[in-house]
C-alpha atoms as a PDB file:
ATOM      1  CA  UNK A   1      -0.039  -0.035   0.038  1.00  0.00           C
ATOM      2  CA  UNK A   2       1.447   3.396  -0.903  1.00  0.00           C
ATOM      3  CA  UNK A   3       2.514   5.785   1.848  1.00  0.00           C
ATOM      4  CA  UNK A   4       0.022   8.578   2.641  1.00  0.00           C
ATOM      5  CA  UNK A   5       1.106  11.920   1.254  1.00  0.00           C
ATOM      6  CA  UNK A   6       1.437  14.957   3.476  1.00  0.00           C
ATOM      7  CA  UNK A   7      -1.585  16.562   1.699  1.00  0.00           C
ATOM      8  CA  UNK A   8      -3.836  13.506   2.206  1.00  0.00           C
ATOM      9  CA  UNK A   9      -2.727  13.290   5.839  1.00  0.00           C
ATOM     10  CA  UNK A  10      -3.397  17.057   6.329  1.00  0.00           C
ATOM     11  CA  UNK A  11      -6.922  16.672   4.913  1.00  0.00           C
ATOM     12  CA  UNK A  12      -7.616  13.589   7.026  1.00  0.00           C
ATOM     13  CA  UNK A  13      -6.447  15.259  10.234  1.00  0.00           C
ATOM     14  CA  UNK A  14      -8.402  18.436   9.368  1.00  0.00           C
ATOM     15  CA  UNK A  15     -11.562  16.517   8.802  1.00  0.00           C
ATOM     16  CA  UNK A  16     -11.008  14.392  11.885  1.00  0.00           C
ATOM     17  CA  UNK A  17     -11.026  17.601  13.934  1.00  0.00           C
ATOM     18  CA  UNK A  18     -14.103  18.845  12.089  1.00  0.00           C
ATOM     19  CA  UNK A  19     -12.229  21.926  10.868  1.00  0.00           C
ATOM     20  CA  UNK A  20     -12.868  23.796   7.667  1.00  0.00           C
ATOM     21  CA  UNK A  21     -10.129  24.777   5.302  1.00  0.00           C
ATOM     22  CA  UNK A  22     -10.833  28.407   6.267  1.00  0.00           C
ATOM     23  CA  UNK A  23     -10.354  27.671   9.974  1.00  0.00           C
ATOM     24  CA  UNK A  24      -7.096  25.818   9.505  1.00  0.00           C
ATOM     25  CA  UNK A  25      -5.902  28.521   7.155  1.00  0.00           C
ATOM     26  CA  UNK A  26      -6.663  31.260   9.672  1.00  0.00           C
ATOM     27  CA  UNK A  27      -4.826  29.337  12.404  1.00  0.00           C
ATOM     28  CA  UNK A  28      -1.756  28.935  10.149  1.00  0.00           C
ATOM     29  CA  UNK A  29      -1.990  32.589   8.765  1.00  0.00           C
ATOM     30  CA  UNK A  30      -2.501  31.228   5.234  1.00  0.00           C
ATOM     31  CA  UNK A  31      -5.195  31.584   2.612  1.00  0.00           C
ATOM     32  CA  UNK A  32      -7.838  28.864   2.154  1.00  0.00           C
ATOM     33  CA  UNK A  33      -6.498  28.251  -1.331  1.00  0.00           C
ATOM     34  CA  UNK A  34      -3.085  27.426   0.046  1.00  0.00           C
ATOM     35  CA  UNK A  35      -4.588  24.720   2.326  1.00  0.00           C
ATOM     36  CA  UNK A  36      -6.629  23.380  -0.684  1.00  0.00           C
ATOM     37  CA  UNK A  37      -3.459  23.214  -2.817  1.00  0.00           C
ATOM     38  CA  UNK A  38      -1.543  21.470  -0.047  1.00  0.00           C
ATOM     39  CA  UNK A  39      -4.370  18.914   0.389  1.00  0.00           C
ATOM     40  CA  UNK A  40      -4.639  18.273  -3.374  1.00  0.00           C
ATOM     41  CA  UNK A  41      -0.877  17.915  -3.882  1.00  0.00           C
ATOM     42  CA  UNK A  42      -0.689  20.973  -6.135  1.00  0.00           C
ATOM     43  CA  UNK A  43       1.551  22.607  -3.623  1.00  0.00           C
ATOM     44  CA  UNK A  44       4.227  21.035  -1.387  1.00  0.00           C
ATOM     45  CA  UNK A  45       4.978  21.948   2.187  1.00  0.00           C
ATOM     46  CA  UNK A  46       8.273  23.826   2.033  1.00  0.00           C
ATOM     47  CA  UNK A  47      10.685  25.400   4.499  1.00  0.00           C
ATOM     48  CA  UNK A  48       9.044  28.768   3.804  1.00  0.00           C
ATOM     49  CA  UNK A  49       5.816  27.405   5.201  1.00  0.00           C
ATOM     50  CA  UNK A  50       7.476  25.856   8.201  1.00  0.00           C
ATOM     51  CA  UNK A  51       5.877  28.287  10.639  1.00  0.00           C
ATOM     52  CA  UNK A  52       2.480  27.569   9.021  1.00  0.00           C
ATOM     53  CA  UNK A  53       3.222  23.803   9.492  1.00  0.00           C
ATOM     54  CA  UNK A  54       3.849  24.385  13.229  1.00  0.00           C
ATOM     55  CA  UNK A  55       0.558  26.286  13.559  1.00  0.00           C
ATOM     56  CA  UNK A  56      -1.365  23.612  11.578  1.00  0.00           C
ATOM     57  CA  UNK A  57       0.122  20.795  13.639  1.00  0.00           C
ATOM     58  CA  UNK A  58      -0.770  22.598  16.893  1.00  0.00           C
ATOM     59  CA  UNK A  59      -4.315  23.219  15.633  1.00  0.00           C
ATOM     60  CA  UNK A  60      -4.691  19.570  14.575  1.00  0.00           C
ATOM     61  CA  UNK A  61      -3.107  18.217  17.814  1.00  0.00           C
ATOM     62  CA  UNK A  62      -0.232  16.368  16.127  1.00  0.00           C
ATOM     63  CA  UNK A  63       3.522  16.865  15.815  1.00  0.00           C
ATOM     64  CA  UNK A  64       5.076  18.596  12.768  1.00  0.00           C
ATOM     65  CA  UNK A  65       7.000  15.397  12.288  1.00  0.00           C
ATOM     66  CA  UNK A  66       3.801  13.401  11.994  1.00  0.00           C
ATOM     67  CA  UNK A  67       2.125  15.970   9.748  1.00  0.00           C
ATOM     68  CA  UNK A  68       5.022  16.030   7.297  1.00  0.00           C
ATOM     69  CA  UNK A  69       6.226  12.463   7.316  1.00  0.00           C
ATOM     70  CA  UNK A  70       3.317  10.438   8.727  1.00  0.00           C
ATOM     71  CA  UNK A  71       5.661   8.989  11.328  1.00  0.00           C
ATOM     72  CA  UNK A  72       5.991   9.828  14.946  1.00  0.00           C
ATOM     73  CA  UNK A  73       9.578   9.784  16.128  1.00  0.00           C
ATOM     74  CA  UNK A  74      10.256   9.427  19.863  1.00  0.00           C
ATOM     75  CA  UNK A  75      13.348  10.905  21.325  1.00  0.00           C
ATOM     76  CA  UNK A  76      14.897   9.312  24.404  1.00  0.00           C
ATOM     77  CA  UNK A  77      15.143  11.616  27.319  1.00  0.00           C
ATOM     78  CA  UNK A  78      18.301  11.243  29.324  1.00  0.00           C
ATOM     79  CA  UNK A  79      17.424  12.590  32.726  1.00  0.00           C
ATOM     80  CA  UNK A  80      19.463  12.127  35.870  1.00  0.00           C
ATOM     81  CA  UNK A  81      17.828  11.761  39.222  1.00  0.00           C
ATOM     82  CA  UNK A  82      16.450  15.029  40.451  1.00  0.00           C
ATOM     83  CA  UNK A  83      16.642  16.882  37.108  1.00  0.00           C
ATOM     84  CA  UNK A  84      13.650  18.075  35.193  1.00  0.00           C
ATOM     85  CA  UNK A  85      13.472  16.975  31.488  1.00  0.00           C
END
């Protein structure tokens, strides 16, 4: 089975949260047409839209890593006794 594209994942996550393209666009300080083009694959998520990706991920309740790659990467925290992470 082919891997889910960033645009397809974005649309799935947006719909799961019952958000319109307009609402997500406003949260990411983008135009609705930009969200539409990302979801359809006409436009790719680029470094220039990194801040928008952060805002979209926060709005959708996922990490930027998951939004972009579809994979959640877990970092190991090395904490010594008595230290906060």
